[in-house]
All heavy atoms as atom14 arrays in JSON, in Angstrom:
{
  "sequence": "DHVNDAYLLRVQWNRDSASALVGSLMDWAVTLLSAVGTCDGWAFEVRS",
  "atom14_mask": [
    [1, 1, 1, 1, 1, 1, 1, 1, 0, 0, 0, 0, 0, 0],
    [1, 1, 1, 1, 1, 1, 1, 1, 1, 1, 0, 0, 0, 0],
    [1, 1, 1, 1, 1, 1, 1, 0, 0, 0, 0, 0, 0, 0],
    [1, 1, 1, 1, 1, 1, 1, 1, 0, 0, 0, 0, 0, 0],
    [1, 1, 1, 1, 1, 1, 1, 1, 0, 0, 0, 0, 0, 0],
    [1, 1, 1, 1, 1, 0, 0, 0, 0, 0, 0, 0, 0, 0],
    [1, 1, 1, 1, 1, 1, 1, 1, 1, 1, 1, 1, 0, 0],
    [1, 1, 1, 1, 1, 1, 1, 1, 0, 0, 0, 0, 0, 0],
    [1, 1, 1, 1, 1, 1, 1, 1, 0, 0, 0, 0, 0, 0],
    [1, 1, 1, 1, 1, 1, 1, 1, 1, 1, 1, 0, 0, 0],
    [1, 1, 1, 1, 1, 1, 1, 0, 0, 0, 0, 0, 0, 0],
    [1, 1, 1, 1, 1, 1, 1, 1, 1, 0, 0, 0, 0, 0],
    [1, 1, 1, 1, 1, 1, 1, 1, 1, 1, 1, 1, 1, 1],
    [1, 1, 1, 1, 1, 1, 1, 1, 0, 0, 0, 0, 0, 0],
    [1, 1, 1, 1, 1, 1, 1, 1, 1, 1, 1, 0, 0, 0],
    [1, 1, 1, 1, 1, 1, 1, 1, 0, 0, 0, 0, 0, 0],
    [1, 1, 1, 1, 1, 1, 0, 0, 0, 0, 0, 0, 0, 0],
    [1, 1, 1, 1, 1, 0, 0, 0, 0, 0, 0, 0, 0, 0],
    [1, 1, 1, 1, 1, 1, 0, 0, 0, 0, 0, 0, 0, 0],
    [1, 1, 1, 1, 1, 0, 0, 0, 0, 0, 0, 0, 0, 0],
    [1, 1, 1, 1, 1, 1, 1, 1, 0, 0, 0, 0, 0, 0],
    [1, 1, 1, 1, 1, 1, 1, 0, 0, 0, 0, 0, 0, 0],
    [1, 1, 1, 1, 0, 0, 0, 0, 0, 0, 0, 0, 0, 0],
    [1, 1, 1, 1, 1, 1, 0, 0, 0, 0, 0, 0, 0, 0],
    [1, 1, 1, 1, 1, 1, 1, 1, 0, 0, 0, 0, 0, 0],
    [1, 1, 1, 1, 1, 1, 1, 1, 0, 0, 0, 0, 0, 0],
    [1, 1, 1, 1, 1, 1, 1, 1, 0, 0, 0, 0, 0, 0],
    [1, 1, 1, 1, 1, 1, 1, 1, 1, 1, 1, 1, 1, 1],
    [1, 1, 1, 1, 1, 0, 0, 0, 0, 0, 0, 0, 0, 0],
    [1, 1, 1, 1, 1, 1, 1, 0, 0, 0, 0, 0, 0, 0],
    [1, 1, 1, 1, 1, 1, 1, 0, 0, 0, 0, 0, 0, 0],
    [1, 1, 1, 1, 1, 1, 1, 1, 0, 0, 0, 0, 0, 0],
    [1, 1, 1, 1, 1, 1, 1, 1, 0, 0, 0, 0, 0, 0],
    [1, 1, 1, 1, 1, 1, 0, 0, 0, 0, 0, 0, 0, 0],
    [1, 1, 1, 1, 1, 0, 0, 0, 0, 0, 0, 0, 0, 0],
    [1, 1, 1, 1, 1, 1, 1, 0, 0, 0, 0, 0, 0, 0],
    [1, 1, 1, 1, 0, 0, 0, 0, 0, 0, 0, 0, 0, 0],
    [1, 1, 1, 1, 1, 1, 1, 0, 0, 0, 0, 0, 0, 0],
    [1, 1, 1, 1, 1, 1, 0, 0, 0, 0, 0, 0, 0, 0],
    [1, 1, 1, 1, 1, 1, 1, 1, 0, 0, 0, 0, 0, 0],
    [1, 1, 1, 1, 0, 0, 0, 0, 0, 0, 0, 0, 0, 0],
    [1, 1, 1, 1, 1, 1, 1, 1, 1, 1, 1, 1, 1, 1],
    [1, 1, 1, 1, 1, 0, 0, 0, 0, 0, 0, 0, 0, 0],
    [1, 1, 1, 1, 1, 1, 1, 1, 1, 1, 1, 0, 0, 0],
    [1, 1, 1, 1, 1, 1, 1, 1, 1, 0, 0, 0, 0, 0],
    [1, 1, 1, 1, 1, 1, 1, 0, 0, 0, 0, 0, 0, 0],
    [1, 1, 1, 1, 1, 1, 1, 1, 1, 1, 1, 0, 0, 0],
    [1, 1, 1, 1, 1, 1, 0, 0, 0, 0, 0, 0, 0, 0]
  ],
  "atom14_positions": [
    [[-13.39, 7.28, 7.01], [-13.27, 8.58, 7.66], [-13.16, 9.67, 6.61], [-12.84, 9.4, 5.44], [-12.04, 8.62, 8.57], [-12.15, 9.69, 9.66], [-13.15, 10.43, 9.67], [-11.23, 9.76, 10.5], [0.0, 0.0, 0.0], [0.0, 0.0, 0.0], [0.0, 0.0, 0.0], [0.0, 0.0, 0.0], [0.0, 0.0, 0.0], [0.0, 0.0, 0.0]],
    [[-13.44, 10.9, 7.03], [-13.39, 12.05, 6.12], [-12.94, 13.26, 6.93], [-13.6, 13.63, 7.9], [-14.77, 12.28, 5.5], [-14.86, 13.52, 4.66], [-16.01, 14.26, 4.56], [-13.92, 14.14, 3.91], [-15.79, 15.3, 3.77], [-14.53, 15.25, 3.36], [0.0, 0.0, 0.0], [0.0, 0.0, 0.0], [0.0, 0.0, 0.0], [0.0, 0.0, 0.0]],
    [[-11.82, 13.83, 6.58], [-11.28, 15.01, 7.26], [-11.03, 16.09, 6.21], [-10.15, 15.94, 5.37], [-9.98, 14.69, 8.01], [-9.47, 15.94, 8.71], [-10.19, 13.56, 9.01], [0.0, 0.0, 0.0], [0.0, 0.0, 0.0], [0.0, 0.0, 0.0], [0.0, 0.0, 0.0], [0.0, 0.0, 0.0], [0.0, 0.0, 0.0], [0.0, 0.0, 0.0]],
    [[-11.8, 17.16, 6.29], [-11.71, 18.24, 5.3], [-11.87, 17.67, 3.9], [-12.89, 17.09, 3.59], [-10.41, 19.01, 5.48], [-10.31, 19.68, 6.83], [-11.33, 20.11, 7.38], [-9.11, 19.77, 7.39], [0.0, 0.0, 0.0], [0.0, 0.0, 0.0], [0.0, 0.0, 0.0], [0.0, 0.0, 0.0], [0.0, 0.0, 0.0], [0.0, 0.0, 0.0]],
    [[-10.82, 17.79, 3.05], [-10.95, 17.31, 1.69], [-10.2, 15.99, 1.49], [-9.89, 15.61, 0.37], [-10.41, 18.35, 0.69], [-8.94, 18.67, 0.94], [-8.42, 18.28, 2.0], [-8.32, 19.29, 0.05], [0.0, 0.0, 0.0], [0.0, 0.0, 0.0], [0.0, 0.0, 0.0], [0.0, 0.0, 0.0], [0.0, 0.0, 0.0], [0.0, 0.0, 0.0]],
    [[-9.93, 15.27, 2.58], [-9.22, 14.0, 2.5], [-10.13, 12.87, 2.99], [-10.88, 13.03, 3.96], [-7.94, 14.04, 3.33], [0.0, 0.0, 0.0], [0.0, 0.0, 0.0], [0.0, 0.0, 0.0], [0.0, 0.0, 0.0], [0.0, 0.0, 0.0], [0.0, 0.0, 0.0], [0.0, 0.0, 0.0], [0.0, 0.0, 0.0], [0.0, 0.0, 0.0]],
    [[-10.06, 11.73, 2.3], [-10.88, 10.58, 2.63], [-9.98, 9.4, 3.0], [-9.03, 9.09, 2.27], [-11.77, 10.19, 1.46], [-12.82, 11.22, 1.12], [-12.52, 12.32, 0.32], [-14.13, 11.1, 1.6], [-13.48, 13.27, 0.01], [-15.1, 12.05, 1.29], [-14.77, 13.12, 0.49], [-15.71, 14.06, 0.18], [0.0, 0.0, 0.0], [0.0, 0.0, 0.0]],
    [[-10.28, 8.75, 4.12], [-9.57, 7.54, 4.53], [-10.37, 6.33, 4.08], [-11.53, 6.18, 4.43], [-9.37, 7.51, 6.04], [-8.63, 6.29, 6.61], [-7.18, 6.26, 6.11], [-8.67, 6.3, 8.13], [0.0, 0.0, 0.0], [0.0, 0.0, 0.0], [0.0, 0.0, 0.0], [0.0, 0.0, 0.0], [0.0, 0.0, 0.0], [0.0, 0.0, 0.0]],
    [[-9.73, 5.47, 3.29], [-10.38, 4.28, 2.78], [-9.66, 3.02, 3.27], [-8.48, 3.07, 3.63], [-10.41, 4.26, 1.24], [-11.4, 5.21, 0.58], [-10.87, 6.63, 0.51], [-11.76, 4.73, -0.82], [0.0, 0.0, 0.0], [0.0, 0.0, 0.0], [0.0, 0.0, 0.0], [0.0, 0.0, 0.0], [0.0, 0.0, 0.0], [0.0, 0.0, 0.0]],
    [[-10.38, 1.91, 3.27], [-9.82, 0.63, 3.69], [-10.16, -0.44, 2.65], [-11.29, -0.51, 2.18], [-10.37, 0.23, 5.05], [-9.92, -1.16, 5.54], [-10.46, -1.44, 6.92], [-11.91, -1.38, 6.94], [-12.64, -1.05, 8.0], [-12.05, -0.71, 9.12], [-13.96, -1.04, 7.93], [0.0, 0.0, 0.0], [0.0, 0.0, 0.0], [0.0, 0.0, 0.0]],
    [[-9.16, -1.23, 2.32], [-9.37, -2.36, 1.42], [-8.78, -3.61, 2.07], [-7.9, -3.52, 2.93], [-8.74, -2.14, 0.03], [-9.37, -0.97, -0.68], [-7.24, -1.95, 0.15], [0.0, 0.0, 0.0], [0.0, 0.0, 0.0], [0.0, 0.0, 0.0], [0.0, 0.0, 0.0], [0.0, 0.0, 0.0], [0.0, 0.0, 0.0], [0.0, 0.0, 0.0]],
    [[-9.28, -4.76, 1.64], [-8.72, -6.03, 2.12], [-8.48, -6.93, 0.92], [-9.36, -7.16, 0.1], [-9.68, -6.71, 3.1], [-9.19, -8.07, 3.59], [-10.09, -8.66, 4.65], [-10.43, -8.01, 5.63], [-10.48, -9.91, 4.46], [0.0, 0.0, 0.0], [0.0, 0.0, 0.0], [0.0, 0.0, 0.0], [0.0, 0.0, 0.0], [0.0, 0.0, 0.0]],
    [[-7.23, -7.38, 0.8], [-6.88, -8.29, -0.29], [-6.49, -9.64, 0.28], [-5.8, -9.71, 1.3], [-5.67, -7.75, -1.08], [-5.95, -6.51, -1.86], [-6.85, -6.37, -2.87], [-5.33, -5.24, -1.72], [-6.82, -5.08, -3.36], [-5.9, -4.37, -2.68], [-4.32, -4.75, -0.88], [-5.49, -3.04, -2.83], [-3.92, -3.43, -1.01], [-4.51, -2.6, -1.97]],
    [[-6.91, -10.72, -0.41], [-6.39, -12.02, -0.05], [-5.23, -12.37, -0.98], [-4.86, -11.59, -1.84], [-7.5, -13.1, -0.12], [-8.13, -13.18, -1.51], [-7.46, -12.98, -2.53], [-9.42, -13.47, -1.56], [0.0, 0.0, 0.0], [0.0, 0.0, 0.0], [0.0, 0.0, 0.0], [0.0, 0.0, 0.0], [0.0, 0.0, 0.0], [0.0, 0.0, 0.0]],
    [[-4.67, -13.54, -0.79], [-3.49, -13.92, -1.56], [-3.76, -13.91, -3.06], [-2.92, -13.48, -3.86], [-3.03, -15.3, -1.11], [-1.94, -15.92, -1.96], [-0.65, -15.16, -1.88], [-0.07, -15.22, -0.55], [1.11, -14.7, -0.24], [1.81, -14.05, -1.14], [1.59, -14.79, 0.99], [0.0, 0.0, 0.0], [0.0, 0.0, 0.0], [0.0, 0.0, 0.0]],
    [[-4.94, -14.33, -3.48], [-5.24, -14.42, -4.91], [-5.46, -13.06, -5.54], [-5.12, -12.85, -6.71], [-6.48, -15.31, -5.14], [-6.24, -16.75, -4.73], [-5.07, -17.19, -4.79], [-7.21, -17.41, -4.33], [0.0, 0.0, 0.0], [0.0, 0.0, 0.0], [0.0, 0.0, 0.0], [0.0, 0.0, 0.0], [0.0, 0.0, 0.0], [0.0, 0.0, 0.0]],
    [[-6.03, -12.13, -4.78], [-6.37, -10.83, -5.36], [-5.28, -9.79, -5.17], [-5.33, -8.71, -5.75], [-7.68, -10.31, -4.75], [-7.52, -10.06, -3.36], [0.0, 0.0, 0.0], [0.0, 0.0, 0.0], [0.0, 0.0, 0.0], [0.0, 0.0, 0.0], [0.0, 0.0, 0.0], [0.0, 0.0, 0.0], [0.0, 0.0, 0.0], [0.0, 0.0, 0.0]],
    [[-4.27, -10.09, -4.35], [-3.23, -9.11, -4.06], [-2.35, -8.86, -5.27], [-2.11, -9.76, -6.08], [-2.38, -9.59, -2.88], [0.0, 0.0, 0.0], [0.0, 0.0, 0.0], [0.0, 0.0, 0.0], [0.0, 0.0, 0.0], [0.0, 0.0, 0.0], [0.0, 0.0, 0.0], [0.0, 0.0, 0.0], [0.0, 0.0, 0.0], [0.0, 0.0, 0.0]],
    [[-1.86, -7.64, -5.4], [-0.9, -7.31, -6.44], [0.44, -7.95, -6.09], [0.64, -8.46, -4.98], [-0.74, -5.79, -6.56], [-0.18, -5.27, -5.36], [0.0, 0.0, 0.0], [0.0, 0.0, 0.0], [0.0, 0.0, 0.0], [0.0, 0.0, 0.0], [0.0, 0.0, 0.0], [0.0, 0.0, 0.0], [0.0, 0.0, 0.0], [0.0, 0.0, 0.0]],
    [[1.37, -7.9, -7.02], [2.7, -8.47, -6.78], [3.37, -7.78, -5.6], [4.04, -8.42, -4.78], [3.56, -8.35, -8.03], [0.0, 0.0, 0.0], [0.0, 0.0, 0.0], [0.0, 0.0, 0.0], [0.0, 0.0, 0.0], [0.0, 0.0, 0.0], [0.0, 0.0, 0.0], [0.0, 0.0, 0.0], [0.0, 0.0, 0.0], [0.0, 0.0, 0.0]],
    [[3.19, -6.46, -5.48], [3.79, -5.71, -4.38], [3.24, -6.18, -3.04], [3.99, -6.48, -2.11], [3.56, -4.22, -4.55], [3.99, -3.34, -3.37], [5.5, -3.33, -3.23], [3.46, -1.93, -3.51], [0.0, 0.0, 0.0], [0.0, 0.0, 0.0], [0.0, 0.0, 0.0], [0.0, 0.0, 0.0], [0.0, 0.0, 0.0], [0.0, 0.0, 0.0]],
    [[1.92, -6.25, -2.93], [1.29, -6.65, -1.68], [1.66, -8.1, -1.35], [1.94, -8.44, -0.19], [-0.23, -6.47, -1.74], [-0.89, -7.03, -0.49], [-0.59, -5.0, -1.91], [0.0, 0.0, 0.0], [0.0, 0.0, 0.0], [0.0, 0.0, 0.0], [0.0, 0.0, 0.0], [0.0, 0.0, 0.0], [0.0, 0.0, 0.0], [0.0, 0.0, 0.0]],
    [[1.69, -8.96, -2.36], [2.08, -10.34, -2.14], [3.49, -10.46, -1.61], [3.77, -11.27, -0.71], [0.0, 0.0, 0.0], [0.0, 0.0, 0.0], [0.0, 0.0, 0.0], [0.0, 0.0, 0.0], [0.0, 0.0, 0.0], [0.0, 0.0, 0.0], [0.0, 0.0, 0.0], [0.0, 0.0, 0.0], [0.0, 0.0, 0.0], [0.0, 0.0, 0.0]],
    [[4.4, -9.64, -2.12], [5.79, -9.66, -1.64], [5.88, -9.16, -0.21], [6.68, -9.66, 0.59], [6.68, -8.82, -2.56], [6.75, -9.39, -3.85], [0.0, 0.0, 0.0], [0.0, 0.0, 0.0], [0.0, 0.0, 0.0], [0.0, 0.0, 0.0], [0.0, 0.0, 0.0], [0.0, 0.0, 0.0], [0.0, 0.0, 0.0], [0.0, 0.0, 0.0]],
    [[5.07, -8.15, 0.15], [5.04, -7.68, 1.53], [4.57, -8.78, 2.48], [5.01, -8.84, 3.63], [4.14, -6.46, 1.66], [4.67, -5.14, 1.08], [3.57, -4.08, 1.1], [5.88, -4.66, 1.85], [0.0, 0.0, 0.0], [0.0, 0.0, 0.0], [0.0, 0.0, 0.0], [0.0, 0.0, 0.0], [0.0, 0.0, 0.0], [0.0, 0.0, 0.0]],
    [[3.68, -9.64, 2.0], [3.2, -10.74, 2.81], [4.27, -11.82, 2.98], [4.28, -12.54, 3.97], [1.94, -11.34, 2.19], [0.75, -10.39, 2.12], [-0.64, -11.02, 1.15], [-1.25, -12.32, 2.22], [0.0, 0.0, 0.0], [0.0, 0.0, 0.0], [0.0, 0.0, 0.0], [0.0, 0.0, 0.0], [0.0, 0.0, 0.0], [0.0, 0.0, 0.0]],
    [[5.17, -11.93, 2.0], [6.15, -13.01, 1.99], [7.41, -12.71, 2.8], [8.07, -13.62, 3.28], [6.57, -13.34, 0.55], [5.44, -13.98, -0.25], [4.53, -14.54, 0.37], [5.48, -13.9, -1.49], [0.0, 0.0, 0.0], [0.0, 0.0, 0.0], [0.0, 0.0, 0.0], [0.0, 0.0, 0.0], [0.0, 0.0, 0.0], [0.0, 0.0, 0.0]],
    [[7.76, -11.41, 2.91], [9.05, -11.05, 3.5], [8.88, -10.14, 4.7], [7.89, -9.41, 4.79], [9.93, -10.36, 2.44], [10.21, -11.23, 1.26], [9.5, -11.29, 0.09], [11.25, -12.21, 1.15], [10.04, -12.23, -0.74], [11.12, -12.82, -0.12], [12.29, -12.62, 2.0], [11.98, -13.81, -0.56], [13.15, -13.6, 1.56], [13.0, -14.19, 0.31]],
    [[9.86, -10.18, 5.6], [9.83, -9.34, 6.81], [10.28, -7.93, 6.47], [11.35, -7.47, 6.87], [10.72, -9.94, 7.89], [0.0, 0.0, 0.0], [0.0, 0.0, 0.0], [0.0, 0.0, 0.0], [0.0, 0.0, 0.0], [0.0, 0.0, 0.0], [0.0, 0.0, 0.0], [0.0, 0.0, 0.0], [0.0, 0.0, 0.0], [0.0, 0.0, 0.0]],
    [[9.44, -7.24, 5.69], [9.73, -5.89, 5.23], [8.57, -4.99, 5.65], [7.4, -5.35, 5.48], [9.91, -5.84, 3.7], [10.02, -4.42, 3.2], [11.14, -6.64, 3.29], [0.0, 0.0, 0.0], [0.0, 0.0, 0.0], [0.0, 0.0, 0.0], [0.0, 0.0, 0.0], [0.0, 0.0, 0.0], [0.0, 0.0, 0.0], [0.0, 0.0, 0.0]],
    [[8.89, -3.83, 6.21], [7.88, -2.88, 6.67], [7.73, -1.76, 5.66], [8.72, -1.16, 5.24], [8.27, -2.29, 8.03], [8.4, -3.35, 8.98], [7.22, -1.3, 8.52], [0.0, 0.0, 0.0], [0.0, 0.0, 0.0], [0.0, 0.0, 0.0], [0.0, 0.0, 0.0], [0.0, 0.0, 0.0], [0.0, 0.0, 0.0], [0.0, 0.0, 0.0]],
    [[6.5, -1.48, 5.27], [6.22, -0.36, 4.38], [6.18, 0.91, 5.19], [5.33, 1.08, 6.06], [4.89, -0.58, 3.66], [4.46, 0.5, 2.68], [5.44, 0.59, 1.51], [3.05, 0.25, 2.18], [0.0, 0.0, 0.0], [0.0, 0.0, 0.0], [0.0, 0.0, 0.0], [0.0, 0.0, 0.0], [0.0, 0.0, 0.0], [0.0, 0.0, 0.0]],
    [[7.12, 1.82, 4.94], [7.18, 3.08, 5.67], [6.29, 4.15, 5.05], [5.65, 4.93, 5.76], [8.63, 3.59, 5.72], [9.63, 2.72, 6.45], [11.03, 3.33, 6.36], [9.23, 2.51, 7.9], [0.0, 0.0, 0.0], [0.0, 0.0, 0.0], [0.0, 0.0, 0.0], [0.0, 0.0, 0.0], [0.0, 0.0, 0.0], [0.0, 0.0, 0.0]],
    [[6.27, 4.22, 3.73], [5.45, 5.23, 3.09], [5.2, 4.84, 1.64], [5.98, 4.09, 1.04], [6.11, 6.62, 3.13], [7.27, 6.64, 2.32], [0.0, 0.0, 0.0], [0.0, 0.0, 0.0], [0.0, 0.0, 0.0], [0.0, 0.0, 0.0], [0.0, 0.0, 0.0], [0.0, 0.0, 0.0], [0.0, 0.0, 0.0], [0.0, 0.0, 0.0]],
    [[4.12, 5.35, 1.11], [3.8, 5.15, -0.3], [2.89, 6.28, -0.74], [1.87, 6.54, -0.09], [3.12, 3.81, -0.52], [0.0, 0.0, 0.0], [0.0, 0.0, 0.0], [0.0, 0.0, 0.0], [0.0, 0.0, 0.0], [0.0, 0.0, 0.0], [0.0, 0.0, 0.0], [0.0, 0.0, 0.0], [0.0, 0.0, 0.0], [0.0, 0.0, 0.0]],
    [[3.26, 6.95, -1.8], [2.46, 8.05, -2.35], [2.28, 7.79, -3.84], [3.25, 7.51, -4.55], [3.14, 9.42, -2.13], [2.31, 10.53, -2.79], [3.32, 9.7, -0.64], [0.0, 0.0, 0.0], [0.0, 0.0, 0.0], [0.0, 0.0, 0.0], [0.0, 0.0, 0.0], [0.0, 0.0, 0.0], [0.0, 0.0, 0.0], [0.0, 0.0, 0.0]],
    [[1.03, 7.86, -4.29], [0.75, 7.59, -5.69], [-0.05, 8.7, -6.34], [-0.91, 9.32, -5.71], [0.0, 0.0, 0.0], [0.0, 0.0, 0.0], [0.0, 0.0, 0.0], [0.0, 0.0, 0.0], [0.0, 0.0, 0.0], [0.0, 0.0, 0.0], [0.0, 0.0, 0.0], [0.0, 0.0, 0.0], [0.0, 0.0, 0.0], [0.0, 0.0, 0.0]],
    [[0.25, 8.96, -7.61], [-0.53, 9.85, -8.46], [-0.71, 9.13, -9.79], [-0.25, 8.0, -9.98], [0.18, 11.2, -8.68], [1.36, 10.98, -9.46], [0.54, 11.85, -7.35], [0.0, 0.0, 0.0], [0.0, 0.0, 0.0], [0.0, 0.0, 0.0], [0.0, 0.0, 0.0], [0.0, 0.0, 0.0], [0.0, 0.0, 0.0], [0.0, 0.0, 0.0]],
    [[-1.34, 9.8, -10.73], [-1.53, 9.2, -12.04], [-0.21, 8.99, -12.77], [-0.13, 8.25, -13.75], [-2.48, 10.04, -12.89], [-1.9, 11.72, -13.22], [0.0, 0.0, 0.0], [0.0, 0.0, 0.0], [0.0, 0.0, 0.0], [0.0, 0.0, 0.0], [0.0, 0.0, 0.0], [0.0, 0.0, 0.0], [0.0, 0.0, 0.0], [0.0, 0.0, 0.0]],
    [[0.87, 9.61, -12.28], [2.19, 9.47, -12.89], [2.99, 8.3, -12.35], [4.07, 7.99, -12.86], [3.0, 10.76, -12.7], [2.38, 11.95, -13.42], [1.85, 11.75, -14.52], [2.42, 13.06, -12.86], [0.0, 0.0, 0.0], [0.0, 0.0, 0.0], [0.0, 0.0, 0.0], [0.0, 0.0, 0.0], [0.0, 0.0, 0.0], [0.0, 0.0, 0.0]],
    [[2.5, 7.67, -11.28], [3.21, 6.54, -10.72], [3.24, 6.58, -9.21], [2.61, 7.43, -8.58], [0.0, 0.0, 0.0], [0.0, 0.0, 0.0], [0.0, 0.0, 0.0], [0.0, 0.0, 0.0], [0.0, 0.0, 0.0], [0.0, 0.0, 0.0], [0.0, 0.0, 0.0], [0.0, 0.0, 0.0], [0.0, 0.0, 0.0], [0.0, 0.0, 0.0]],
    [[4.02, 5.65, -8.62], [4.07, 5.47, -7.17], [5.48, 5.6, -6.65], [6.43, 5.16, -7.29], [3.54, 4.09, -6.79], [2.08, 3.89, -7.07], [1.52, 3.52, -8.26], [1.01, 4.05, -6.15], [0.16, 3.44, -8.13], [-0.18, 3.75, -6.84], [0.95, 4.4, -4.8], [-1.42, 3.8, -6.22], [-0.29, 4.45, -4.18], [-1.46, 4.16, -4.89]],
    [[5.62, 6.18, -5.44], [6.91, 6.25, -4.75], [6.77, 5.5, -3.43], [5.88, 5.82, -2.62], [7.32, 7.69, -4.5], [0.0, 0.0, 0.0], [0.0, 0.0, 0.0], [0.0, 0.0, 0.0], [0.0, 0.0, 0.0], [0.0, 0.0, 0.0], [0.0, 0.0, 0.0], [0.0, 0.0, 0.0], [0.0, 0.0, 0.0], [0.0, 0.0, 0.0]],
    [[7.64, 4.5, -3.22], [7.56, 3.66, -2.03], [8.84, 3.74, -1.22], [9.93, 3.94, -1.77], [7.34, 2.19, -2.42], [5.95, 1.89, -2.9], [5.63, 2.0, -4.23], [4.97, 1.49, -2.01], [4.35, 1.72, -4.69], [3.69, 1.21, -2.44], [3.38, 1.33, -3.79], [0.0, 0.0, 0.0], [0.0, 0.0, 0.0], [0.0, 0.0, 0.0]],
    [[8.7, 3.53, 0.09], [9.85, 3.4, 0.97], [9.59, 2.23, 1.91], [8.53, 2.15, 2.54], [10.08, 4.69, 1.76], [11.32, 4.64, 2.63], [11.63, 5.98, 3.28], [10.67, 6.72, 3.55], [12.81, 6.29, 3.51], [0.0, 0.0, 0.0], [0.0, 0.0, 0.0], [0.0, 0.0, 0.0], [0.0, 0.0, 0.0], [0.0, 0.0, 0.0]],
    [[10.54, 1.31, 1.98], [10.39, 0.13, 2.83], [11.61, 0.0, 3.72], [12.7, 0.51, 3.41], [10.21, -1.16, 2.0], [8.91, -1.11, 1.21], [11.4, -1.38, 1.07], [0.0, 0.0, 0.0], [0.0, 0.0, 0.0], [0.0, 0.0, 0.0], [0.0, 0.0, 0.0], [0.0, 0.0, 0.0], [0.0, 0.0, 0.0], [0.0, 0.0, 0.0]],
    [[11.44, -0.72, 4.83], [12.53, -0.93, 5.78], [12.6, -2.41, 6.14], [11.57, -3.09, 6.25], [12.28, -0.13, 7.07], [13.37, -0.29, 8.13], [12.97, 0.38, 9.41], [11.83, -0.3, 10.02], [10.92, 0.31, 10.78], [10.99, 1.59, 11.01], [9.92, -0.38, 11.3], [0.0, 0.0, 0.0], [0.0, 0.0, 0.0], [0.0, 0.0, 0.0]],
    [[13.83, -2.89, 6.31], [14.03, -4.27, 6.74], [15.16, -4.32, 7.76], [16.12, -3.55, 7.68], [14.36, -5.18, 5.56], [14.58, -6.51, 6.0], [0.0, 0.0, 0.0], [0.0, 0.0, 0.0], [0.0, 0.0, 0.0], [0.0, 0.0, 0.0], [0.0, 0.0, 0.0], [0.0, 0.0, 0.0], [0.0, 0.0, 0.0], [0.0, 0.0, 0.0]]
  ]
}
């Protein structure tokens, strides 16, 4: 999707290709509430 100057993208990772963060989300009953990233790093919020 594309709205004004923002683009919505979709990716699919399997267990082998997932990062440590995504792998941990798959392992535990934790909900990702928000995540914002820039070239300076990432800010995450999770709920359990």
